[in-house]
Amino acid sequence: MAAPPEARPALHLPARDIPIPTSVSPEAQAAMAMAPLPEPERPAPGDRDGWRAMIAAQDAAIAGMMAERAAGAPVVTTERDVGAHVYEITPMDLAEGDRRVYLDIHGGAFVFGAGDCCRVMSIGTAARYGARVWSVDYRMPPDHPFPAGLDDCLAAYRALLSDHDPSEIIVGGASAGGNLAAALILRARDEGLPLPAAAVLMTPGVDLTASGDSLRTNLGLDPLLPEASTPTFAMYAGERDLTDPYVSPLFGDFAPGFPPTILTTGTRDRLLSDTVRMHRALRRAGIPADLHVTEAAGHGGFFGTAPEDHEIERELRRFAESHWP
């Protein structure tokens, strides 16, 4: 077992100011100048009522912020029960007979992003790819730790396979959703299911042991991931060992097979280390994997406001279109 952080040798750095770089667009600089998002007070790990209340408040706030962007979007939304709750988002201009589908697994530190928040975020995903989206409204802590969320994602994938060739399916997710997307593919492979055409892992949290270097070196630089973000890892894992590949996919064996993958992150992202280590693990196993690292971007990029964000979105769509039939 690794020594706790306080028992390891440490490099002590002097306090210093980190300026906003001029190496990024004016829009990115403006986003970086914004005050960090306020950190809600985290309840004690065993305070389920406290967690439920905080999660509900956060989800309502996020859904409210995104509602204007989603309002009037030219999509049709259908709710499905496939052994898990799924929002199916279909662009109105989708060509008849277009069978491509993106299985979207939302982020949110394994506890946020359910319900209407999930629906609103998936509308943006459908616009990004110009394709049908199945977004899994998976169960989460404090009431449903591992493996409930992964079970729901697998149920959705099985349902898609009942009506789609695997070449028509791409699986993707951001942050905690990137963890679940990778874990879903590992589990599907281990259970003998055919694999999707490709995987999209956006700043994925694939190491819940929190051993990555950037979790500490980018602390305070990343406006979206505060110091208190890791307690939800333990809530999600429950009694499961944090090095279990279905909990921390970074520790999985990718050699038996994994689809072509694109990974995205930024130099100020606290999950930069998770992302680049996952990229190296895939490459060592011979899996085609592309890595895109955006200058000065944190965990949420520049919140969709900068040319750098749009450039990454174009890369993601180009990657998806190159792997769909």
Protein backbone atom coordinates (compact mmCIF):
# COMPACT_ATOMS: atom_id res chain seq x y z
CA MET A 1 0.00 0.00 0.00
CA ALA A 2 1.32 3.45 -0.91
CA ALA A 3 2.34 5.78 1.86
CA PRO A 4 -0.12 8.60 2.63
CA PRO A 5 0.78 11.96 1.03
CA GLU A 6 1.92 13.46 4.31
CA ALA A 7 4.49 10.65 4.77
CA ARG A 8 6.14 11.08 1.36
CA PRO A 9 9.01 13.42 0.47
CA ALA A 10 7.67 16.72 -0.79
CA LEU A 11 9.03 19.68 -2.69
CA HIS A 12 8.17 22.89 -0.85
CA LEU A 13 7.52 25.78 -3.21
CA PRO A 14 7.34 29.46 -2.30
CA ALA A 15 3.99 31.21 -2.56
CA ARG A 16 3.72 32.98 -5.89
CA ASP A 17 1.25 34.54 -8.29
CA ILE A 18 0.45 32.64 -11.48
CA PRO A 19 -0.51 35.13 -14.20
CA ILE A 20 -3.14 34.54 -16.83
CA PRO A 21 -1.11 33.55 -19.90
CA THR A 22 -1.07 35.55 -23.12
CA SER A 23 -0.60 32.29 -25.05
CA VAL A 24 -4.37 31.74 -25.28
CA SER A 25 -7.21 33.64 -26.95
CA PRO A 26 -8.73 36.79 -25.41
CA GLU A 27 -11.90 34.79 -24.75
CA ALA A 28 -9.92 32.14 -22.87
CA GLN A 29 -8.14 34.84 -20.88
CA ALA A 30 -11.49 36.37 -19.93
CA ALA A 31 -12.77 32.97 -18.77
CA MET A 32 -9.64 32.44 -16.68
CA ALA A 33 -10.14 35.84 -15.03
CA MET A 34 -13.55 34.79 -13.71
CA ALA A 35 -13.74 33.98 -10.01
CA PRO A 36 -13.65 30.24 -9.27
CA LEU A 37 -17.00 28.59 -8.72
CA PRO A 38 -17.99 28.73 -5.04
CA GLU A 39 -17.30 25.51 -3.21
CA PRO A 40 -20.39 24.19 -1.41
CA GLU A 41 -19.96 22.98 2.12
CA ARG A 42 -19.60 19.22 1.97
CA PRO A 43 -21.63 17.20 4.48
CA ALA A 44 -19.97 14.48 6.53
CA PRO A 45 -19.58 11.23 4.54
CA GLY A 46 -22.32 9.50 6.55
CA ASP A 47 -24.80 12.37 6.38
CA ARG A 48 -27.02 11.05 3.61
CA ASP A 49 -29.74 13.64 4.07
CA GLY A 50 -27.13 16.40 3.90
CA TRP A 51 -25.67 14.96 0.70
CA ARG A 52 -29.10 14.55 -0.88
CA ALA A 53 -29.94 18.19 -0.15
CA MET A 54 -26.61 19.51 -1.42
CA ILE A 55 -26.74 17.38 -4.59
CA ALA A 56 -30.31 18.50 -5.35
CA ALA A 57 -29.34 22.16 -4.93
CA GLN A 58 -26.26 21.83 -7.12
CA ASP A 59 -28.11 19.95 -9.84
CA ALA A 60 -30.89 22.53 -9.89
CA ALA A 61 -28.34 25.34 -10.18
CA ILE A 62 -26.46 23.64 -13.03
CA ALA A 63 -29.64 22.77 -14.92
CA GLY A 64 -30.84 26.34 -14.48
CA MET A 65 -27.60 27.78 -15.88
CA MET A 66 -27.80 25.52 -18.92
CA ALA A 67 -31.55 25.73 -19.50
CA GLU A 68 -31.39 28.85 -21.67
CA ARG A 69 -28.83 27.23 -23.97
CA ALA A 70 -31.00 24.12 -24.30
CA ALA A 71 -34.34 25.92 -24.65
CA GLY A 72 -35.66 25.77 -28.17
CA ALA A 73 -32.96 23.37 -29.32
CA PRO A 74 -34.14 21.55 -32.48
CA VAL A 75 -34.28 18.11 -30.88
CA VAL A 76 -36.87 15.58 -29.81
CA THR A 77 -36.44 14.13 -26.34
CA THR A 78 -37.77 10.70 -25.40
CA GLU A 79 -37.39 9.02 -22.03
CA ARG A 80 -36.71 5.29 -22.08
CA ASP A 81 -36.63 2.58 -19.45
CA VAL A 82 -34.15 -0.05 -20.61
CA GLY A 83 -33.30 -1.41 -17.19
CA ALA A 84 -31.87 2.06 -16.62
CA HIS A 85 -33.33 5.51 -17.16
CA VAL A 86 -32.19 6.95 -20.49
CA TYR A 87 -32.85 10.24 -22.29
CA GLU A 88 -32.87 9.76 -26.04
CA ILE A 89 -32.08 13.05 -27.81
CA THR A 90 -32.73 13.08 -31.56
CA PRO A 91 -31.81 16.11 -33.72
CA MET A 92 -34.80 17.15 -35.82
CA ASP A 93 -32.69 17.41 -38.94
CA LEU A 94 -31.27 13.91 -38.59
CA ALA A 95 -31.40 12.12 -41.93
CA GLU A 96 -33.88 9.29 -42.20
CA GLY A 97 -32.11 6.00 -41.70
CA ASP A 98 -29.19 7.54 -39.77
CA ARG A 99 -28.43 4.81 -37.25
CA ARG A 100 -25.44 6.39 -35.55
CA VAL A 101 -25.81 6.73 -31.79
CA TYR A 102 -23.64 8.25 -29.10
CA LEU A 103 -23.98 6.65 -25.65
CA ASP A 104 -23.34 9.63 -23.37
CA ILE A 105 -22.35 9.19 -19.72
CA HIS A 106 -22.48 12.45 -17.82
CA GLY A 107 -19.89 13.75 -15.39
CA GLY A 108 -20.39 15.26 -11.96
CA ALA A 109 -17.94 13.71 -9.48
CA PHE A 110 -20.09 10.53 -9.35
CA VAL A 111 -22.84 12.33 -7.40
CA PHE A 112 -24.04 15.29 -9.50
CA GLY A 113 -25.79 15.55 -12.87
CA ALA A 114 -28.93 13.43 -12.51
CA GLY A 115 -32.42 14.04 -13.84
CA ASP A 116 -33.07 17.27 -15.69
CA CYS A 117 -29.40 18.17 -15.44
CA CYS A 118 -28.57 14.99 -17.39
CA ARG A 119 -31.21 15.79 -20.00
CA VAL A 120 -30.01 19.35 -20.58
CA MET A 121 -26.36 18.32 -20.88
CA SER A 122 -27.23 15.61 -23.40
CA ILE A 123 -28.88 18.16 -25.69
CA GLY A 124 -25.49 19.83 -26.02
CA THR A 125 -23.92 16.46 -26.81
CA ALA A 126 -26.41 15.86 -29.63
CA ALA A 127 -25.58 19.26 -31.10
CA ARG A 128 -21.83 18.58 -30.84
CA TYR A 129 -21.99 15.33 -32.82
CA GLY A 130 -25.04 15.90 -35.00
CA ALA A 131 -26.24 12.44 -34.04
CA ARG A 132 -28.75 10.64 -31.87
CA VAL A 133 -27.71 10.51 -28.20
CA TRP A 134 -28.64 8.08 -25.49
CA SER A 135 -27.78 9.71 -22.16
CA VAL A 136 -27.75 7.42 -19.13
CA ASP A 137 -29.37 8.91 -16.03
CA TYR A 138 -27.49 6.42 -13.89
CA ARG A 139 -27.95 5.86 -10.15
CA MET A 140 -25.43 7.51 -7.83
CA PRO A 141 -24.38 7.88 -4.18
CA PRO A 142 -25.23 8.46 -1.44
CA ASP A 143 -27.98 5.88 -2.00
CA HIS A 144 -26.43 3.90 -4.84
CA PRO A 145 -22.66 3.36 -4.70
CA PHE A 146 -20.69 1.12 -7.06
CA PRO A 147 -21.68 -0.94 -9.00
CA ALA A 148 -25.15 0.59 -9.46
CA GLY A 149 -24.05 3.32 -11.88
CA LEU A 150 -21.92 0.96 -13.94
CA ASP A 151 -24.77 -1.59 -14.01
CA ASP A 152 -27.06 1.10 -15.45
CA CYS A 153 -24.54 2.05 -18.12
CA LEU A 154 -24.14 -1.60 -19.08
CA ALA A 155 -27.92 -2.03 -19.25
CA ALA A 156 -28.15 0.91 -21.66
CA TYR A 157 -25.34 -0.47 -23.81
CA ARG A 158 -26.98 -3.91 -23.95
CA ALA A 159 -30.24 -2.27 -25.01
CA LEU A 160 -28.47 -0.45 -27.83
CA LEU A 161 -26.83 -3.67 -28.98
CA SER A 162 -30.25 -5.29 -29.29
CA ASP A 163 -31.10 -2.87 -32.09
CA HIS A 164 -27.74 -1.62 -33.39
CA ASP A 165 -24.60 -3.01 -34.86
CA PRO A 166 -21.71 -2.15 -32.49
CA SER A 167 -20.08 -0.20 -35.34
CA GLU A 168 -22.96 2.28 -35.05
CA ILE A 169 -22.26 3.01 -31.36
CA ILE A 170 -19.71 5.34 -29.81
CA VAL A 171 -19.40 5.49 -26.01
CA GLY A 172 -18.21 8.66 -24.33
CA GLY A 173 -18.15 10.67 -21.14
CA ALA A 174 -16.43 13.48 -19.30
CA SER A 175 -14.80 13.41 -15.88
CA ALA A 176 -16.67 10.80 -13.80
CA GLY A 177 -18.52 9.95 -17.01
CA GLY A 178 -15.16 9.22 -18.65
CA ASN A 179 -14.43 6.79 -15.83
CA LEU A 180 -17.76 5.03 -16.36
CA ALA A 181 -17.36 4.98 -20.14
CA ALA A 182 -13.98 3.24 -19.86
CA ALA A 183 -15.22 0.88 -17.12
CA LEU A 184 -18.29 0.04 -19.21
CA ILE A 185 -16.11 -0.96 -22.16
CA LEU A 186 -13.86 -3.10 -19.97
CA ARG A 187 -16.84 -4.84 -18.40
CA ALA A 188 -18.62 -5.32 -21.73
CA ARG A 189 -15.47 -6.91 -23.13
CA ASP A 190 -15.07 -9.15 -20.08
CA GLU A 191 -18.69 -10.27 -20.40
CA GLY A 192 -18.21 -11.18 -24.05
CA LEU A 193 -20.17 -8.31 -25.59
CA PRO A 194 -19.03 -6.73 -28.86
CA LEU A 195 -17.22 -3.43 -28.38
CA PRO A 196 -18.37 -0.05 -29.68
CA ALA A 197 -16.78 1.63 -32.66
CA ALA A 198 -14.84 4.11 -30.52
CA ALA A 199 -14.52 5.75 -27.11
CA VAL A 200 -14.45 9.43 -26.17
CA LEU A 201 -12.81 10.16 -22.79
CA MET A 202 -12.88 13.85 -21.91
CA THR A 203 -10.69 14.69 -18.90
CA PRO A 204 -11.58 11.30 -17.39
CA GLY A 205 -11.22 10.55 -13.67
CA VAL A 206 -9.81 7.06 -14.18
CA ASP A 207 -7.69 6.73 -11.01
CA LEU A 208 -9.77 6.99 -7.85
CA THR A 209 -6.69 6.37 -5.69
CA ALA A 210 -5.97 10.05 -6.47
CA SER A 211 -2.29 9.34 -7.08
CA GLY A 212 -1.93 11.57 -10.14
CA ASP A 213 0.62 14.39 -9.94
CA SER A 214 -1.67 17.08 -11.36
CA LEU A 215 -4.25 16.60 -8.61
CA ARG A 216 -1.77 18.46 -6.43
CA THR A 217 0.24 20.58 -8.84
CA ASN A 218 -2.90 22.08 -10.41
CA LEU A 219 -4.74 22.55 -7.12
CA GLY A 220 -5.87 26.16 -7.05
CA LEU A 221 -5.22 26.63 -10.77
CA ASP A 222 -8.22 24.55 -11.86
CA PRO A 223 -11.36 26.66 -11.32
CA LEU A 224 -13.74 23.72 -11.50
CA LEU A 225 -12.15 21.05 -9.29
CA PRO A 226 -11.62 22.24 -5.71
CA GLU A 227 -9.63 20.45 -3.06
CA ALA A 228 -12.74 18.77 -1.68
CA SER A 229 -13.59 16.94 -4.91
CA THR A 230 -11.99 13.59 -4.02
CA PRO A 231 -14.25 12.55 -1.06
CA THR A 232 -16.92 11.60 -3.57
CA PHE A 233 -14.51 8.98 -4.97
CA ALA A 234 -14.80 6.96 -1.78
CA MET A 235 -18.58 7.45 -1.71
CA TYR A 236 -18.82 6.05 -5.21
CA ALA A 237 -16.47 3.10 -4.66
CA GLY A 238 -18.19 2.01 -1.46
CA GLU A 239 -16.61 -1.22 -0.26
CA ARG A 240 -14.79 -1.89 -3.55
CA ASP A 241 -10.99 -1.66 -3.75
CA LEU A 242 -10.05 1.63 -5.43
CA THR A 243 -7.62 -0.19 -7.73
CA ASP A 244 -10.34 -2.45 -9.14
CA PRO A 245 -10.33 -1.71 -12.91
CA TYR A 246 -14.11 -1.30 -12.92
CA VAL A 247 -13.65 1.47 -10.32
CA SER A 248 -10.34 2.89 -11.61
CA PRO A 249 -10.07 1.87 -15.28
CA LEU A 250 -6.49 3.11 -15.46
CA PHE A 251 -5.49 -0.15 -13.75
CA GLY A 252 -7.23 -2.32 -16.34
CA ASP A 253 -5.66 -4.63 -18.89
CA PHE A 254 -6.37 -3.14 -22.31
CA ALA A 255 -4.46 -5.69 -24.38
CA PRO A 256 -7.43 -8.09 -24.83
CA GLY A 257 -9.16 -5.29 -26.72
CA PHE A 258 -10.41 -1.72 -26.43
CA PRO A 259 -11.77 0.51 -29.20
CA PRO A 260 -9.93 3.48 -30.74
CA THR A 261 -10.05 6.34 -28.24
CA ILE A 262 -9.74 10.11 -28.13
CA LEU A 263 -8.77 11.79 -24.84
CA THR A 264 -8.92 15.51 -24.03
CA THR A 265 -7.57 17.59 -21.15
CA GLY A 266 -5.83 20.91 -20.39
CA THR A 267 -2.60 22.02 -18.77
CA ARG A 268 -4.47 23.40 -15.72
CA ASP A 269 -6.81 20.42 -15.40
CA ARG A 270 -6.43 18.58 -12.08
CA LEU A 271 -7.17 15.38 -14.02
CA LEU A 272 -4.41 16.05 -16.56
CA SER A 273 -2.37 13.20 -15.04
CA ASP A 274 -5.28 10.77 -15.17
CA THR A 275 -5.82 11.60 -18.83
CA VAL A 276 -2.21 11.37 -20.02
CA ARG A 277 -1.58 8.18 -18.00
CA MET A 278 -4.69 6.60 -19.54
CA HIS A 279 -3.42 7.59 -22.98
CA ARG A 280 -0.06 5.94 -22.30
CA ALA A 281 -1.74 2.79 -20.92
CA LEU A 282 -3.82 2.45 -24.08
CA ARG A 283 -0.83 3.07 -26.33
CA ARG A 284 1.26 0.49 -24.48
CA ALA A 285 -1.49 -2.05 -25.16
CA GLY A 286 -1.44 -1.22 -28.87
CA ILE A 287 -4.78 0.62 -28.83
CA PRO A 288 -5.07 3.56 -31.25
CA ALA A 289 -5.43 6.59 -28.97
CA ASP A 290 -5.29 10.33 -29.65
CA LEU A 291 -4.54 12.87 -26.92
CA HIS A 292 -5.44 16.57 -27.15
CA VAL A 293 -4.10 18.88 -24.41
CA THR A 294 -5.36 22.47 -24.48
CA GLU A 295 -3.04 25.23 -23.31
CA ALA A 296 -4.08 26.71 -19.93
CA ALA A 297 -7.45 24.95 -19.85
CA GLY A 298 -8.86 23.62 -16.60
CA HIS A 299 -11.22 20.71 -16.03
CA GLY A 300 -14.08 22.48 -17.77
CA GLY A 301 -11.96 23.98 -20.53
CA PHE A 302 -12.98 27.62 -20.86
CA PHE A 303 -16.65 26.82 -20.22
CA GLY A 304 -17.45 26.72 -23.93
CA THR A 305 -16.69 30.42 -24.42
CA ALA A 306 -13.37 30.33 -26.27
CA PRO A 307 -12.08 29.33 -29.71
CA GLU A 308 -10.00 26.68 -27.98
CA ASP A 309 -13.20 24.99 -26.77
CA HIS A 310 -14.67 25.02 -30.27
CA GLU A 311 -11.46 23.62 -31.70
CA ILE A 312 -11.66 20.62 -29.35
CA GLU A 313 -15.33 20.16 -30.22
CA ARG A 314 -14.37 19.99 -33.91
CA GLU A 315 -11.70 17.40 -33.09
CA LEU A 316 -14.24 15.29 -31.20
CA ARG A 317 -16.74 15.41 -34.04
CA ARG A 318 -14.05 14.65 -36.63
CA PHE A 319 -12.93 11.65 -34.57
CA ALA A 320 -16.49 10.35 -34.16
CA GLU A 321 -17.33 10.74 -37.82
CA SER A 322 -14.15 8.90 -38.79
CA HIS A 323 -15.24 5.83 -36.76
CA TRP A 324 -18.98 5.73 -37.42
CA PRO A 325 -20.04 3.95 -40.64
